[in-house]
Amino acid sequence: MGRPPSFDERRVLKGAMHAFWRQGYHATSLKDLEQATGLTTGSLYNAFHSKDQLFAAALSHYIENIIRWRIDHYLGDSSPALEGIRQFLRSTVIGVPEAQQGLACLLVNTAVELGRTNALAGPLIEHGLGQIRDGFAAQLERARTAGEIRPDVDCAVAACQLTLLLSGLLVASRTAADPQTLAACIDMTLAALRPSRGS
């Protein structure tokens, strides 16, 4: 049985996560990871075996802590349900903490950089985006039951559309795109789901 690590794994993963989030997988050097985690390259390799495995662990940490928190916070049993979706989407472009402005999302950034077919990142990307898509679908079902959206809306398809919108918003947030314009796009998309007046 191996000796347990003599460091705070959660702190190390958080540091590595932020390094990869700021710079991307390829641009993050081992020296960057040493500075971000406080561990030497040797210690990192002893614990995680490779940069690839450290990245996978850091991305998993991001999904489990950042993505999962956002889903639980905005897409839980919030009422009205459609407003929870709106706030989830708006929070990616409006009121982003200064330290995270321009960073977008580690999950989407990785999908753009490495692709979903990448053997290392692909399953994690699909897992993370799948959680978001499932969160949207469940919230849309609640919205349909409450009469907030049209009864003919296919919630699974609409959840896929919202996930694509989210990815586009996050990529746009890395540019000089106007946050208020992006927020207007969110409102227009959700307005199309609502029942027409008088129906």
C-alpha atoms as a PDB file:
ATOM      1  CA  MET A   1       0.000   0.000   0.000  1.00  0.00           C
ATOM      2  CA  GLY A   2       1.458   3.348  -1.065  1.00  0.00           C
ATOM      3  CA  ARG A   3       2.375   6.063   1.374  1.00  0.00           C
ATOM      4  CA  PRO A   4      -0.346   8.761   1.581  1.00  0.00           C
ATOM      5  CA  PRO A   5       0.602  12.126   0.034  1.00  0.00           C
ATOM      6  CA  SER A   6       2.119  14.641   2.471  1.00  0.00           C
ATOM      7  CA  PHE A   7       0.358  17.624   0.906  1.00  0.00           C
ATOM      8  CA  ASP A   8      -3.132  19.057   0.714  1.00  0.00           C
ATOM      9  CA  GLU A   9      -4.368  17.506  -2.537  1.00  0.00           C
ATOM     10  CA  ARG A  10      -7.369  19.818  -2.759  1.00  0.00           C
ATOM     11  CA  ARG A  11      -5.140  22.890  -2.485  1.00  0.00           C
ATOM     12  CA  VAL A  12      -2.744  21.498  -5.094  1.00  0.00           C
ATOM     13  CA  LEU A  13      -5.575  20.711  -7.517  1.00  0.00           C
ATOM     14  CA  LYS A  14      -7.059  24.153  -7.005  1.00  0.00           C
ATOM     15  CA  GLY A  15      -3.712  25.764  -7.802  1.00  0.00           C
ATOM     16  CA  ALA A  16      -3.206  23.607 -10.895  1.00  0.00           C
ATOM     17  CA  MET A  17      -6.787  24.249 -11.982  1.00  0.00           C
ATOM     18  CA  HIS A  18      -6.246  28.015 -11.926  1.00  0.00           C
ATOM     19  CA  ALA A  19      -2.951  27.726 -13.807  1.00  0.00           C
ATOM     20  CA  PHE A  20      -4.560  25.680 -16.595  1.00  0.00           C
ATOM     21  CA  TRP A  21      -7.618  27.966 -16.539  1.00  0.00           C
ATOM     22  CA  ARG A  22      -5.476  31.086 -17.066  1.00  0.00           C
ATOM     23  CA  GLN A  23      -3.114  29.704 -19.682  1.00  0.00           C
ATOM     24  CA  GLY A  24      -4.579  26.568 -21.222  1.00  0.00           C
ATOM     25  CA  TYR A  25      -3.126  23.081 -21.270  1.00  0.00           C
ATOM     26  CA  HIS A  26      -0.289  23.519 -23.748  1.00  0.00           C
ATOM     27  CA  ALA A  27       0.894  26.928 -22.515  1.00  0.00           C
ATOM     28  CA  THR A  28       1.106  25.849 -18.874  1.00  0.00           C
ATOM     29  CA  SER A  29       4.654  24.718 -18.144  1.00  0.00           C
ATOM     30  CA  LEU A  30       5.890  22.512 -15.330  1.00  0.00           C
ATOM     31  CA  LYS A  31       7.472  25.613 -13.812  1.00  0.00           C
ATOM     32  CA  ASP A  32       4.062  27.308 -13.864  1.00  0.00           C
ATOM     33  CA  LEU A  33       2.593  24.287 -12.102  1.00  0.00           C
ATOM     34  CA  GLU A  34       5.360  24.323  -9.491  1.00  0.00           C
ATOM     35  CA  GLN A  35       4.554  27.964  -8.730  1.00  0.00           C
ATOM     36  CA  ALA A  36       0.799  27.340  -8.711  1.00  0.00           C
ATOM     37  CA  THR A  37       0.906  24.286  -6.462  1.00  0.00           C
ATOM     38  CA  GLY A  38       3.965  24.859  -4.294  1.00  0.00           C
ATOM     39  CA  LEU A  39       5.280  21.411  -5.213  1.00  0.00           C
ATOM     40  CA  THR A  40       8.400  20.478  -7.134  1.00  0.00           C
ATOM     41  CA  THR A  41       8.144  18.744 -10.481  1.00  0.00           C
ATOM     42  CA  GLY A  42       9.341  15.549  -8.823  1.00  0.00           C
ATOM     43  CA  SER A  43       6.595  15.713  -6.207  1.00  0.00           C
ATOM     44  CA  LEU A  44       3.976  16.422  -8.866  1.00  0.00           C
ATOM     45  CA  TYR A  45       5.128  13.430 -10.907  1.00  0.00           C
ATOM     46  CA  ASN A  46       5.208  11.198  -7.828  1.00  0.00           C
ATOM     47  CA  ALA A  47       1.629  12.168  -7.023  1.00  0.00           C
ATOM     48  CA  PHE A  48       0.065  12.454 -10.490  1.00  0.00           C
ATOM     49  CA  HIS A  49       2.569  10.598 -12.742  1.00  0.00           C
ATOM     50  CA  SER A  50       2.410  13.099 -15.618  1.00  0.00           C
ATOM     51  CA  LYS A  51       1.264  16.560 -16.653  1.00  0.00           C
ATOM     52  CA  ASP A  52      -1.606  14.873 -18.496  1.00  0.00           C
ATOM     53  CA  GLN A  53      -2.835  13.134 -15.361  1.00  0.00           C
ATOM     54  CA  LEU A  54      -2.497  16.310 -13.294  1.00  0.00           C
ATOM     55  CA  PHE A  55      -4.526  18.172 -15.892  1.00  0.00           C
ATOM     56  CA  ALA A  56      -7.229  15.491 -15.854  1.00  0.00           C
ATOM     57  CA  ALA A  57      -7.376  15.691 -12.056  1.00  0.00           C
ATOM     58  CA  ALA A  58      -7.539  19.505 -12.161  1.00  0.00           C
ATOM     59  CA  LEU A  59     -10.312  19.453 -14.776  1.00  0.00           C
ATOM     60  CA  SER A  60     -12.243  16.917 -12.692  1.00  0.00           C
ATOM     61  CA  HIS A  61     -11.789  19.210  -9.686  1.00  0.00           C
ATOM     62  CA  TYR A  62     -13.215  22.093 -11.752  1.00  0.00           C
ATOM     63  CA  ILE A  63     -16.248  20.065 -12.811  1.00  0.00           C
ATOM     64  CA  GLU A  64     -16.934  18.761  -9.317  1.00  0.00           C
ATOM     65  CA  ASN A  65     -16.523  22.108  -7.572  1.00  0.00           C
ATOM     66  CA  ILE A  66     -17.185  24.970 -10.003  1.00  0.00           C
ATOM     67  CA  ILE A  67     -19.617  23.423 -12.499  1.00  0.00           C
ATOM     68  CA  ARG A  68     -21.496  21.398  -9.887  1.00  0.00           C
ATOM     69  CA  TRP A  69     -21.859  24.408  -7.594  1.00  0.00           C
ATOM     70  CA  ARG A  70     -23.268  26.530 -10.417  1.00  0.00           C
ATOM     71  CA  ILE A  71     -25.777  23.850 -11.374  1.00  0.00           C
ATOM     72  CA  ASP A  72     -26.916  23.363  -7.788  1.00  0.00           C
ATOM     73  CA  HIS A  73     -27.061  27.119  -7.165  1.00  0.00           C
ATOM     74  CA  TYR A  74     -28.932  28.237 -10.280  1.00  0.00           C
ATOM     75  CA  LEU A  75     -30.621  25.096 -11.592  1.00  0.00           C
ATOM     76  CA  GLY A  76     -31.943  23.559  -8.410  1.00  0.00           C
ATOM     77  CA  ASP A  77     -35.553  23.930  -7.401  1.00  0.00           C
ATOM     78  CA  SER A  78     -35.502  27.668  -8.052  1.00  0.00           C
ATOM     79  CA  SER A  79     -38.807  29.337  -8.733  1.00  0.00           C
ATOM     80  CA  PRO A  80     -39.577  30.569 -11.300  1.00  0.00           C
ATOM     81  CA  ALA A  81     -37.593  27.907 -13.101  1.00  0.00           C
ATOM     82  CA  LEU A  82     -36.858  29.905 -16.255  1.00  0.00           C
ATOM     83  CA  GLU A  83     -35.318  32.685 -14.177  1.00  0.00           C
ATOM     84  CA  GLY A  84     -32.827  30.183 -12.767  1.00  0.00           C
ATOM     85  CA  ILE A  85     -31.674  29.401 -16.306  1.00  0.00           C
ATOM     86  CA  ARG A  86     -31.494  33.102 -17.102  1.00  0.00           C
ATOM     87  CA  GLN A  87     -29.336  33.811 -14.064  1.00  0.00           C
ATOM     88  CA  PHE A  88     -27.092  30.816 -14.806  1.00  0.00           C
ATOM     89  CA  LEU A  89     -26.420  32.156 -18.304  1.00  0.00           C
ATOM     90  CA  ARG A  90     -26.165  35.840 -17.342  1.00  0.00           C
ATOM     91  CA  SER A  91     -23.666  35.095 -14.587  1.00  0.00           C
ATOM     92  CA  THR A  92     -21.179  33.959 -17.233  1.00  0.00           C
ATOM     93  CA  VAL A  93     -21.038  37.445 -18.755  1.00  0.00           C
ATOM     94  CA  ILE A  94     -22.454  39.884 -16.157  1.00  0.00           C
ATOM     95  CA  GLY A  95     -20.825  40.501 -12.774  1.00  0.00           C
ATOM     96  CA  VAL A  96     -17.899  38.158 -13.399  1.00  0.00           C
ATOM     97  CA  PRO A  97     -15.265  38.644 -10.642  1.00  0.00           C
ATOM     98  CA  GLU A  98     -12.366  40.771 -11.872  1.00  0.00           C
ATOM     99  CA  ALA A  99      -9.860  37.946 -11.338  1.00  0.00           C
ATOM    100  CA  GLN A 100     -11.875  35.706 -13.692  1.00  0.00           C
ATOM    101  CA  GLN A 101     -12.729  38.224 -16.401  1.00  0.00           C
ATOM    102  CA  GLY A 102     -11.565  37.029 -19.800  1.00  0.00           C
ATOM    103  CA  LEU A 103     -10.897  33.498 -18.551  1.00  0.00           C
ATOM    104  CA  ALA A 104     -14.291  32.111 -19.604  1.00  0.00           C
ATOM    105  CA  CYS A 105     -14.622  28.471 -18.475  1.00  0.00           C
ATOM    106  CA  LEU A 106     -11.923  25.816 -18.105  1.00  0.00           C
ATOM    107  CA  LEU A 107     -14.314  23.180 -19.472  1.00  0.00           C
ATOM    108  CA  VAL A 108     -15.215  25.083 -22.640  1.00  0.00           C
ATOM    109  CA  ASN A 109     -11.661  26.384 -23.068  1.00  0.00           C
ATOM    110  CA  THR A 110     -10.446  22.777 -23.006  1.00  0.00           C
ATOM    111  CA  ALA A 111     -13.068  21.731 -25.548  1.00  0.00           C
ATOM    112  CA  VAL A 112     -11.807  24.482 -27.873  1.00  0.00           C
ATOM    113  CA  GLU A 113      -8.104  23.747 -27.288  1.00  0.00           C
ATOM    114  CA  LEU A 114      -8.040  19.957 -27.174  1.00  0.00           C
ATOM    115  CA  GLY A 115     -11.357  18.891 -28.679  1.00  0.00           C
ATOM    116  CA  ARG A 116     -13.909  16.417 -27.397  1.00  0.00           C
ATOM    117  CA  THR A 117     -12.199  13.560 -29.269  1.00  0.00           C
ATOM    118  CA  ASN A 118      -9.004  13.996 -27.248  1.00  0.00           C
ATOM    119  CA  ALA A 119      -8.415  10.781 -25.287  1.00  0.00           C
ATOM    120  CA  LEU A 120      -7.426  12.705 -22.165  1.00  0.00           C
ATOM    121  CA  ALA A 121      -9.992  15.470 -22.068  1.00  0.00           C
ATOM    122  CA  GLY A 122     -12.846  14.190 -24.237  1.00  0.00           C
ATOM    123  CA  PRO A 123     -14.657  12.067 -21.618  1.00  0.00           C
ATOM    124  CA  LEU A 124     -14.313  14.817 -19.000  1.00  0.00           C
ATOM    125  CA  ILE A 125     -15.607  17.465 -21.398  1.00  0.00           C
ATOM    126  CA  GLU A 126     -18.624  15.316 -22.241  1.00  0.00           C
ATOM    127  CA  HIS A 127     -19.218  14.588 -18.553  1.00  0.00           C
ATOM    128  CA  GLY A 128     -19.111  18.260 -17.586  1.00  0.00           C
ATOM    129  CA  LEU A 129     -21.217  19.511 -20.480  1.00  0.00           C
ATOM    130  CA  GLY A 130     -23.603  16.613 -19.909  1.00  0.00           C
ATOM    131  CA  GLN A 131     -24.179  17.738 -16.336  1.00  0.00           C
ATOM    132  CA  ILE A 132     -24.995  21.245 -17.544  1.00  0.00           C
ATOM    133  CA  ARG A 133     -27.279  19.936 -20.285  1.00  0.00           C
ATOM    134  CA  ASP A 134     -29.100  17.675 -17.834  1.00  0.00           C
ATOM    135  CA  GLY A 135     -29.469  20.600 -15.421  1.00  0.00           C
ATOM    136  CA  PHE A 136     -31.024  22.725 -18.146  1.00  0.00           C
ATOM    137  CA  ALA A 137     -33.361  19.893 -19.181  1.00  0.00           C
ATOM    138  CA  ALA A 138     -34.618  19.324 -15.631  1.00  0.00           C
ATOM    139  CA  GLN A 139     -35.162  23.049 -15.140  1.00  0.00           C
ATOM    140  CA  LEU A 140     -37.018  23.298 -18.434  1.00  0.00           C
ATOM    141  CA  GLU A 141     -39.277  20.426 -17.391  1.00  0.00           C
ATOM    142  CA  ARG A 142     -40.122  22.355 -14.226  1.00  0.00           C
ATOM    143  CA  ALA A 143     -40.713  25.480 -16.288  1.00  0.00           C
ATOM    144  CA  ARG A 144     -43.056  23.612 -18.635  1.00  0.00           C
ATOM    145  CA  THR A 145     -45.019  22.135 -15.734  1.00  0.00           C
ATOM    146  CA  ALA A 146     -45.362  25.629 -14.256  1.00  0.00           C
ATOM    147  CA  GLY A 147     -46.545  27.053 -17.570  1.00  0.00           C
ATOM    148  CA  GLU A 148     -43.501  29.289 -17.964  1.00  0.00           C
ATOM    149  CA  ILE A 149     -42.656  27.891 -21.390  1.00  0.00           C
ATOM    150  CA  ARG A 150     -44.768  26.563 -24.248  1.00  0.00           C
ATOM    151  CA  PRO A 151     -46.123  23.035 -23.762  1.00  0.00           C
ATOM    152  CA  ASP A 152     -44.774  21.972 -27.168  1.00  0.00           C
ATOM    153  CA  VAL A 153     -41.139  22.751 -26.274  1.00  0.00           C
ATOM    154  CA  ASP A 154     -38.907  19.668 -26.507  1.00  0.00           C
ATOM    155  CA  CYS A 155     -36.964  20.124 -23.283  1.00  0.00           C
ATOM    156  CA  ALA A 156     -34.093  17.855 -24.327  1.00  0.00           C
ATOM    157  CA  VAL A 157     -33.540  19.749 -27.584  1.00  0.00           C
ATOM    158  CA  ALA A 158     -33.949  23.113 -25.861  1.00  0.00           C
ATOM    159  CA  ALA A 159     -31.395  22.054 -23.218  1.00  0.00           C
ATOM    160  CA  CYS A 160     -28.937  21.213 -26.000  1.00  0.00           C
ATOM    161  CA  GLN A 161     -29.577  24.610 -27.588  1.00  0.00           C
ATOM    162  CA  LEU A 162     -28.962  26.381 -24.266  1.00  0.00           C
ATOM    163  CA  THR A 163     -25.720  24.443 -23.771  1.00  0.00           C
ATOM    164  CA  LEU A 164     -24.571  25.588 -27.205  1.00  0.00           C
ATOM    165  CA  LEU A 165     -25.563  29.146 -26.302  1.00  0.00           C
ATOM    166  CA  LEU A 166     -23.570  28.884 -23.082  1.00  0.00           C
ATOM    167  CA  SER A 167     -20.477  27.720 -24.975  1.00  0.00           C
ATOM    168  CA  GLY A 168     -20.829  30.605 -27.413  1.00  0.00           C
ATOM    169  CA  LEU A 169     -21.253  33.128 -24.598  1.00  0.00           C
ATOM    170  CA  LEU A 170     -18.134  31.857 -22.866  1.00  0.00           C
ATOM    171  CA  VAL A 171     -16.035  32.020 -26.024  1.00  0.00           C
ATOM    172  CA  ALA A 172     -17.362  35.526 -26.745  1.00  0.00           C
ATOM    173  CA  SER A 173     -16.559  36.609 -23.177  1.00  0.00           C
ATOM    174  CA  ARG A 174     -12.855  36.113 -23.955  1.00  0.00           C
ATOM    175  CA  THR A 175     -13.072  38.840 -26.598  1.00  0.00           C
ATOM    176  CA  ALA A 176     -14.163  42.461 -26.427  1.00  0.00           C
ATOM    177  CA  ALA A 177     -17.832  41.460 -26.765  1.00  0.00           C
ATOM    178  CA  ASP A 178     -20.195  43.796 -24.918  1.00  0.00           C
ATOM    179  CA  PRO A 179     -21.653  41.940 -21.889  1.00  0.00           C
ATOM    180  CA  GLN A 180     -24.971  43.748 -22.212  1.00  0.00           C
ATOM    181  CA  THR A 181     -25.308  42.618 -25.831  1.00  0.00           C
ATOM    182  CA  LEU A 182     -24.605  39.038 -24.755  1.00  0.00           C
ATOM    183  CA  ALA A 183     -27.208  39.380 -21.990  1.00  0.00           C
ATOM    184  CA  ALA A 184     -29.733  40.587 -24.580  1.00  0.00           C
ATOM    185  CA  CYS A 185     -29.031  37.450 -26.635  1.00  0.00           C
ATOM    186  CA  ILE A 186     -29.846  35.353 -23.562  1.00  0.00           C
ATOM    187  CA  ASP A 187     -33.133  37.160 -23.015  1.00  0.00           C
ATOM    188  CA  MET A 188     -34.103  36.817 -26.690  1.00  0.00           C
ATOM    189  CA  THR A 189     -33.390  33.065 -26.632  1.00  0.00           C
ATOM    190  CA  LEU A 190     -35.461  32.495 -23.507  1.00  0.00           C
ATOM    191  CA  ALA A 191     -38.291  34.730 -24.760  1.00  0.00           C
ATOM    192  CA  ALA A 192     -38.727  32.354 -27.698  1.00  0.00           C
ATOM    193  CA  LEU A 193     -39.561  29.568 -25.241  1.00  0.00           C
ATOM    194  CA  ARG A 194     -42.321  31.451 -23.451  1.00  0.00           C
ATOM    195  CA  PRO A 195     -46.018  31.039 -24.301  1.00  0.00           C
ATOM    196  CA  SER A 196     -47.331  33.693 -26.676  1.00  0.00           C
ATOM    197  CA  ARG A 197     -49.556  36.270 -25.086  1.00  0.00           C
ATOM    198  CA  GLY A 198     -53.184  35.326 -25.143  1.00  0.00           C
ATOM    199  CA  SER A 199     -52.439  31.596 -25.593  1.00  0.00           C
END
